Amino acid sequence: MLVSYGHDGPWDLGDAADENRSAMDVRGAQTEVRAIRCRNRDATVKTCAAGRPESQPSYGFP
Protein backbone atom coordinates (compact mmCIF):
# COMPACT_ATOMS: atom_id res chain seq x y z
CA MET A 1 0.00 0.00 0.00
CA LEU A 2 1.29 3.45 -0.94
CA VAL A 3 -0.12 6.54 0.77
CA SER A 4 1.14 10.07 0.14
CA TYR A 5 0.28 13.67 0.86
CA GLY A 6 -2.01 15.30 -1.68
CA HIS A 7 -3.65 12.08 -2.85
CA ASP A 8 -7.04 10.95 -1.56
CA GLY A 9 -6.57 7.52 -0.05
CA PRO A 10 -4.01 4.88 -0.98
CA TRP A 11 -2.55 4.65 -4.48
CA ASP A 12 -3.71 1.77 -6.67
CA LEU A 13 -0.64 1.11 -8.80
CA GLY A 14 -2.55 -1.56 -10.70
CA ASP A 15 -4.69 1.25 -12.13
CA ALA A 16 -3.00 2.94 -15.11
CA ALA A 17 -4.30 6.42 -14.18
CA ASP A 18 -2.97 6.22 -10.60
CA GLU A 19 0.33 4.77 -11.79
CA ASN A 20 0.82 7.56 -14.34
CA ARG A 21 -0.14 10.26 -11.83
CA SER A 22 2.31 8.92 -9.24
CA ALA A 23 5.07 8.85 -11.86
CA MET A 24 4.33 12.46 -12.84
CA ASP A 25 4.34 13.54 -9.18
CA VAL A 26 7.74 11.89 -8.65
CA ARG A 27 9.19 13.52 -11.79
CA GLY A 28 7.86 16.89 -10.67
CA ALA A 29 9.47 16.50 -7.26
CA GLN A 30 12.80 15.51 -8.85
CA THR A 31 12.67 18.54 -11.13
CA GLU A 32 11.99 20.81 -8.17
CA VAL A 33 14.94 19.37 -6.21
CA ARG A 34 17.26 19.85 -9.21
CA ALA A 35 16.13 23.48 -9.55
CA ILE A 36 16.77 24.12 -5.84
CA ARG A 37 20.25 22.58 -6.08
CA CYS A 38 21.03 24.71 -9.12
CA ARG A 39 19.92 27.90 -7.33
CA ASN A 40 22.03 26.97 -4.30
CA ARG A 41 25.11 26.35 -6.49
CA ASP A 42 24.56 29.66 -8.28
CA ALA A 43 24.21 31.50 -4.97
CA THR A 44 27.39 29.87 -3.63
CA VAL A 45 29.36 30.86 -6.72
CA LYS A 46 28.01 34.41 -6.54
CA THR A 47 28.84 34.66 -2.82
CA CYS A 48 32.38 33.36 -3.31
CA ALA A 49 32.96 35.69 -6.26
CA ALA A 50 31.88 38.64 -4.10
CA GLY A 51 34.44 37.63 -1.46
CA ARG A 52 31.89 36.92 1.26
CA PRO A 53 32.23 33.86 3.49
CA GLU A 54 30.15 30.96 2.24
CA SER A 55 28.87 29.81 5.62
CA GLN A 56 27.94 33.20 7.10
CA PRO A 57 24.19 33.83 6.99
CA SER A 58 23.05 37.06 5.35
CA TYR A 59 20.36 37.82 7.93
CA GLY A 60 22.59 39.07 10.72
CA PHE A 61 23.44 36.19 13.01
CA PRO A 62 27.14 36.09 13.86
PDB file of N, CA and C in Angstrom:
ATOM      1  N   MET A   1       0.846  -1.174   0.000  1.00  0.00           N
ATOM      2  CA  MET A   1       0.000   0.000   0.000  1.00  0.00           C
ATOM      3  C   MET A   1       0.891   1.236   0.000  1.00  0.00           C
ATOM      4  N   LEU A   2       0.536   2.199  -0.828  1.00  0.00           N
ATOM      5  CA  LEU A   2       1.289   3.445  -0.940  1.00  0.00           C
ATOM      6  C   LEU A   2       0.339   4.593  -0.643  1.00  0.00           C
ATOM      7  N   VAL A   3       0.681   5.390   0.382  1.00  0.00           N
ATOM      8  CA  VAL A   3      -0.123   6.544   0.765  1.00  0.00           C
ATOM      9  C   VAL A   3       0.799   7.758   0.736  1.00  0.00           C
ATOM     10  N   SER A   4       0.311   8.874   0.180  1.00  0.00           N
ATOM     11  CA  SER A   4       1.138  10.073   0.135  1.00  0.00           C
ATOM     12  C   SER A   4       0.282  11.313   0.333  1.00  0.00           C
ATOM     13  N   TYR A   5       0.948  12.396   0.665  1.00  0.00           N
ATOM     14  CA  TYR A   5       0.282  13.674   0.864  1.00  0.00           C
ATOM     15  C   TYR A   5      -0.249  14.182  -0.476  1.00  0.00           C
ATOM     16  N   GLY A   6      -1.442  14.720  -0.478  1.00  0.00           N
ATOM     17  CA  GLY A   6      -2.005  15.297  -1.684  1.00  0.00           C
ATOM     18  C   GLY A   6      -2.795  14.326  -2.538  1.00  0.00           C
ATOM     19  N   HIS A   7      -2.877  13.084  -2.111  1.00  0.00           N
ATOM     20  CA  HIS A   7      -3.652  12.083  -2.851  1.00  0.00           C
ATOM     21  C   HIS A   7      -4.708  11.522  -1.914  1.00  0.00           C
ATOM     22  N   ASP A   8      -5.934  11.470  -2.396  1.00  0.00           N
ATOM     23  CA  ASP A   8      -7.035  10.954  -1.564  1.00  0.00           C
ATOM     24  C   ASP A   8      -6.946   9.445  -1.461  1.00  0.00           C
ATOM     25  N   GLY A   9      -6.640   8.962  -0.276  1.00  0.00           N
ATOM     26  CA  GLY A   9      -6.572   7.525  -0.046  1.00  0.00           C
ATOM     27  C   GLY A   9      -5.299   6.902  -0.582  1.00  0.00           C
ATOM     28  N   PRO A  10      -5.221   5.574  -0.512  1.00  0.00           N
ATOM     29  CA  PRO A  10      -4.012   4.884  -0.985  1.00  0.00           C
ATOM     30  C   PRO A  10      -3.958   4.857  -2.519  1.00  0.00           C
ATOM     31  N   TRP A  11      -2.755   4.767  -3.037  1.00  0.00           N
ATOM     32  CA  TRP A  11      -2.551   4.648  -4.478  1.00  0.00           C
ATOM     33  C   TRP A  11      -2.871   3.230  -4.924  1.00  0.00           C
ATOM     34  N   ASP A  12      -3.478   3.084  -6.071  1.00  0.00           N
ATOM     35  CA  ASP A  12      -3.709   1.774  -6.674  1.00  0.00           C
ATOM     36  C   ASP A  12      -2.801   1.695  -7.892  1.00  0.00           C
ATOM     37  N   LEU A  13      -1.610   1.134  -7.715  1.00  0.00           N
ATOM     38  CA  LEU A  13      -0.636   1.114  -8.795  1.00  0.00           C
ATOM     39  C   LEU A  13      -0.979   0.096  -9.873  1.00  0.00           C
ATOM     40  N   GLY A  14      -2.032  -0.677  -9.660  1.00  0.00           N
ATOM     41  CA  GLY A  14      -2.550  -1.561 -10.696  1.00  0.00           C
ATOM     42  C   GLY A  14      -3.414  -0.793 -11.682  1.00  0.00           C
ATOM     43  N   ASP A  15      -3.877   0.388 -11.281  1.00  0.00           N
ATOM     44  CA  ASP A  15      -4.691   1.247 -12.132  1.00  0.00           C
ATOM     45  C   ASP A  15      -3.748   2.156 -12.926  1.00  0.00           C
ATOM     46  N   ALA A  16      -3.907   2.175 -14.245  1.00  0.00           N
ATOM     47  CA  ALA A  16      -2.996   2.941 -15.105  1.00  0.00           C
ATOM     48  C   ALA A  16      -3.028   4.435 -14.781  1.00  0.00           C
ATOM     49  N   ALA A  17      -4.198   4.975 -14.471  1.00  0.00           N
ATOM     50  CA  ALA A  17      -4.305   6.417 -14.175  1.00  0.00           C
ATOM     51  C   ALA A  17      -3.537   6.768 -12.905  1.00  0.00           C
ATOM     52  N   ASP A  18      -3.694   5.972 -11.844  1.00  0.00           N
ATOM     53  CA  ASP A  18      -2.971   6.225 -10.599  1.00  0.00           C
ATOM     54  C   ASP A  18      -1.465   6.040 -10.789  1.00  0.00           C
ATOM     55  N   GLU A  19      -1.091   5.022 -11.560  1.00  0.00           N
ATOM     56  CA  GLU A  19       0.326   4.770 -11.792  1.00  0.00           C
ATOM     57  C   GLU A  19       0.956   5.935 -12.552  1.00  0.00           C
ATOM     58  N   ASN A  20       0.284   6.430 -13.566  1.00  0.00           N
ATOM     59  CA  ASN A  20       0.816   7.563 -14.341  1.00  0.00           C
ATOM     60  C   ASN A  20       0.880   8.823 -13.494  1.00  0.00           C
ATOM     61  N   ARG A  21      -0.147   9.059 -12.681  1.00  0.00           N
ATOM     62  CA  ARG A  21      -0.143  10.258 -11.834  1.00  0.00           C
ATOM     63  C   ARG A  21       0.991  10.205 -10.821  1.00  0.00           C
ATOM     64  N   SER A  22       1.213   9.031 -10.225  1.00  0.00           N
ATOM     65  CA  SER A  22       2.306   8.917  -9.243  1.00  0.00           C
ATOM     66  C   SER A  22       3.651   9.142  -9.917  1.00  0.00           C
ATOM     67  N   ALA A  23       3.820   8.640 -11.140  1.00  0.00           N
ATOM     68  CA  ALA A  23       5.071   8.847 -11.863  1.00  0.00           C
ATOM     69  C   ALA A  23       5.276  10.326 -12.169  1.00  0.00           C
ATOM     70  N   MET A  24       4.219  11.023 -12.558  1.00  0.00           N
ATOM     71  CA  MET A  24       4.331  12.458 -12.838  1.00  0.00           C
ATOM     72  C   MET A  24       4.654  13.242 -11.573  1.00  0.00           C
ATOM     73  N   ASP A  25       4.052  12.863 -10.446  1.00  0.00           N
ATOM     74  CA  ASP A  25       4.343  13.535  -9.176  1.00  0.00           C
ATOM     75  C   ASP A  25       5.810  13.361  -8.794  1.00  0.00           C
ATOM     76  N   VAL A  26       6.336  12.162  -8.977  1.00  0.00           N
ATOM     77  CA  VAL A  26       7.739  11.895  -8.653  1.00  0.00           C
ATOM     78  C   VAL A  26       8.655  12.706  -9.563  1.00  0.00           C
ATOM     79  N   ARG A  27       8.351  12.740 -10.849  1.00  0.00           N
ATOM     80  CA  ARG A  27       9.188  13.517 -11.786  1.00  0.00           C
ATOM     81  C   ARG A  27       9.145  14.998 -11.442  1.00  0.00           C
ATOM     82  N   GLY A  28       7.976  15.490 -11.056  1.00  0.00           N
ATOM     83  CA  GLY A  28       7.856  16.891 -10.669  1.00  0.00           C
ATOM     84  C   GLY A  28       8.690  17.210  -9.446  1.00  0.00           C
ATOM     85  N   ALA A  29       8.674  16.309  -8.468  1.00  0.00           N
ATOM     86  CA  ALA A  29       9.468  16.501  -7.258  1.00  0.00           C
ATOM     87  C   ALA A  29      10.965  16.482  -7.582  1.00  0.00           C
ATOM     88  N   GLN A  30      11.390  15.575  -8.468  1.00  0.00           N
ATOM     89  CA  GLN A  30      12.797  15.509  -8.850  1.00  0.00           C
ATOM     90  C   GLN A  30      13.227  16.788  -9.560  1.00  0.00           C
ATOM     91  N   THR A  31      12.368  17.306 -10.422  1.00  0.00           N
ATOM     92  CA  THR A  31      12.666  18.541 -11.132  1.00  0.00           C
ATOM     93  C   THR A  31      12.809  19.702 -10.164  1.00  0.00           C
ATOM     94  N   GLU A  32      11.939  19.747  -9.168  1.00  0.00           N
ATOM     95  CA  GLU A  32      11.995  20.807  -8.170  1.00  0.00           C
ATOM     96  C   GLU A  32      13.294  20.737  -7.364  1.00  0.00           C
ATOM     97  N   VAL A  33      13.692  19.541  -6.972  1.00  0.00           N
ATOM     98  CA  VAL A  33      14.937  19.365  -6.211  1.00  0.00           C
ATOM     99  C   VAL A  33      16.131  19.800  -7.050  1.00  0.00           C
ATOM    100  N   ARG A  34      16.149  19.436  -8.334  1.00  0.00           N
ATOM    101  CA  ARG A  34      17.257  19.847  -9.210  1.00  0.00           C
ATOM    102  C   ARG A  34      17.321  21.366  -9.337  1.00  0.00           C
ATOM    103  N   ALA A  35      16.162  22.017  -9.445  1.00  0.00           N
ATOM    104  CA  ALA A  35      16.129  23.476  -9.554  1.00  0.00           C
ATOM    105  C   ALA A  35      16.659  24.132  -8.280  1.00  0.00           C
ATOM    106  N   ILE A  36      16.298  23.591  -7.125  1.00  0.00           N
ATOM    107  CA  ILE A  36      16.772  24.120  -5.845  1.00  0.00           C
ATOM    108  C   ILE A  36      18.289  23.961  -5.744  1.00  0.00           C
ATOM    109  N   ARG A  37      18.804  22.794  -6.117  1.00  0.00           N
ATOM    110  CA  ARG A  37      20.255  22.577  -6.078  1.00  0.00           C
ATOM    111  C   ARG A  37      20.984  23.546  -6.999  1.00  0.00           C
ATOM    112  N   CYS A  38      20.422  23.782  -8.169  1.00  0.00           N
ATOM    113  CA  CYS A  38      21.034  24.708  -9.123  1.00  0.00           C
ATOM    114  C   CYS A  38      21.066  26.128  -8.548  1.00  0.00           C
ATOM    115  N   ARG A  39      19.961  26.560  -7.939  1.00  0.00           N
ATOM    116  CA  ARG A  39      19.924  27.896  -7.331  1.00  0.00           C
ATOM    117  C   ARG A  39      20.934  28.002  -6.201  1.00  0.00           C
ATOM    118  N   ASN A  40      21.054  26.945  -5.397  1.00  0.00           N
ATOM    119  CA  ASN A  40      22.031  26.966  -4.302  1.00  0.00           C
ATOM    120  C   ASN A  40      23.459  27.047  -4.825  1.00  0.00           C
ATOM    121  N   ARG A  41      23.765  26.286  -5.888  1.00  0.00           N
ATOM    122  CA  ARG A  41      25.106  26.352  -6.487  1.00  0.00           C
ATOM    123  C   ARG A  41      25.371  27.750  -7.032  1.00  0.00           C
ATOM    124  N   ASP A  42      24.393  28.316  -7.725  1.00  0.00           N
ATOM    125  CA  ASP A  42      24.564  29.659  -8.282  1.00  0.00           C
ATOM    126  C   ASP A  42      24.796  30.689  -7.180  1.00  0.00           C
ATOM    127  N   ALA A  43      24.049  30.560  -6.086  1.00  0.00           N
ATOM    128  CA  ALA A  43      24.209  31.498  -4.971  1.00  0.00           C
ATOM    129  C   ALA A  43      25.579  31.343  -4.322  1.00  0.00           C
ATOM    130  N   THR A  44      26.067  30.112  -4.219  1.00  0.00           N
ATOM    131  CA  THR A  44      27.388  29.869  -3.634  1.00  0.00           C
ATOM    132  C   THR A  44      28.477  30.480  -4.508  1.00  0.00           C
ATOM    133  N   VAL A  45      28.376  30.291  -5.805  1.00  0.00           N
ATOM    134  CA  VAL A  45      29.362  30.859  -6.722  1.00  0.00           C
ATOM    135  C   VAL A  45      29.338  32.381  -6.645  1.00  0.00           C
ATOM    136  N   LYS A  46      28.159  32.950  -6.613  1.00  0.00           N
ATOM    137  CA  LYS A  46      28.013  34.410  -6.543  1.00  0.00           C
ATOM    138  C   LYS A  46      28.595  34.954  -5.233  1.00  0.00           C
ATOM    139  N   THR A  47      28.337  34.243  -4.132  1.00  0.00           N
ATOM    140  CA  THR A  47      28.844  34.655  -2.823  1.00  0.00           C
ATOM    141  C   THR A  47      30.362  34.584  -2.783  1.00  0.00           C
ATOM    142  N   CYS A  48      30.925  33.509  -3.304  1.00  0.00           N
ATOM    143  CA  CYS A  48      32.384  33.360  -3.309  1.00  0.00           C
ATOM    144  C   CYS A  48      33.033  34.406  -4.205  1.00  0.00           C
ATOM    145  N   ALA A  49      32.404  34.693  -5.339  1.00  0.00           N
ATOM    146  CA  ALA A  49      32.956  35.690  -6.258  1.00  0.00           C
ATOM    147  C   ALA A  49      32.937  37.082  -5.636  1.00  0.00           C
ATOM    148  N   ALA A  50      31.975  37.339  -4.748  1.00  0.00           N
ATOM    149  CA  ALA A  50      31.879  38.643  -4.098  1.00  0.00           C
ATOM    150  C   ALA A  50      32.828  38.750  -2.907  1.00  0.00           C
ATOM    151  N   GLY A  51      33.483  37.620  -2.550  1.00  0.00           N
ATOM    152  CA  GLY A  51      34.442  37.634  -1.457  1.00  0.00           C
ATOM    153  C   GLY A  51      33.814  37.483  -0.087  1.00  0.00           C
ATOM    154  N   ARG A  52      32.545  37.122  -0.036  1.00  0.00           N
ATOM    155  CA  ARG A  52      31.893  36.921   1.257  1.00  0.00           C
ATOM    156  C   ARG A  52      32.065  35.474   1.699  1.00  0.00           C
ATOM    157  N   PRO A  53      32.112  35.233   3.002  1.00  0.00           N
ATOM    158  CA  PRO A  53      32.235  33.860   3.486  1.00  0.00           C
ATOM    159  C   PRO A  53      31.002  33.043   3.101  1.00  0.00           C
ATOM    160  N   GLU A  54      31.242  31.816   2.700  1.00  0.00           N
ATOM    161  CA  GLU A  54      30.148  30.959   2.238  1.00  0.00           C
ATOM    162  C   GLU A  54      29.189  30.572   3.357  1.00  0.00           C
ATOM    163  N   SER A  55      29.711  30.346   4.551  1.00  0.00           N
ATOM    164  CA  SER A  55      28.872  29.812   5.620  1.00  0.00           C
ATOM    165  C   SER A  55      28.231  30.884   6.497  1.00  0.00           C
ATOM    166  N   GLN A  56      28.503  32.142   6.264  1.00  0.00           N
ATOM    167  CA  GLN A  56      27.937  33.198   7.102  1.00  0.00           C
ATOM    168  C   GLN A  56      26.546  33.567   6.588  1.00  0.00           C
ATOM    169  N   PRO A  57      25.534  33.487   7.445  1.00  0.00           N
ATOM    170  CA  PRO A  57      24.189  33.827   6.986  1.00  0.00           C
ATOM    171  C   PRO A  57      24.061  35.315   6.695  1.00  0.00           C
ATOM    172  N   SER A  58      23.200  35.665   5.764  1.00  0.00           N
ATOM    173  CA  SER A  58      23.055  37.062   5.352  1.00  0.00           C
ATOM    174  C   SER A  58      22.061  37.821   6.215  1.00  0.00           C
ATOM    175  N   TYR A  59      21.411  37.160   7.156  1.00  0.00           N
ATOM    176  CA  TYR A  59      20.360  37.823   7.934  1.00  0.00           C
ATOM    177  C   TYR A  59      20.810  38.290   9.307  1.00  0.00           C
ATOM    178  N   GLY A  60      22.102  38.383   9.551  1.00  0.00           N
ATOM    179  CA  GLY A  60      22.589  39.069  10.716  1.00  0.00           C
ATOM    180  C   GLY A  60      23.070  38.260  11.895  1.00  0.00           C
ATOM    181  N   PHE A  61      22.943  36.956  11.886  1.00  0.00           N
ATOM    182  CA  PHE A  61      23.442  36.188  13.013  1.00  0.00           C
ATOM    183  C   PHE A  61      24.948  36.013  12.873  1.00  0.00           C
ATOM    184  N   PRO A  62      25.690  36.219  13.942  1.00  0.00           N
ATOM    185  CA  PRO A  62      27.143  36.090  13.858  1.00  0.00           C
ATOM    186  C   PRO A  62      27.597  34.649  13.772  1.00  0.00           C
TER     187      PRO A  62
END
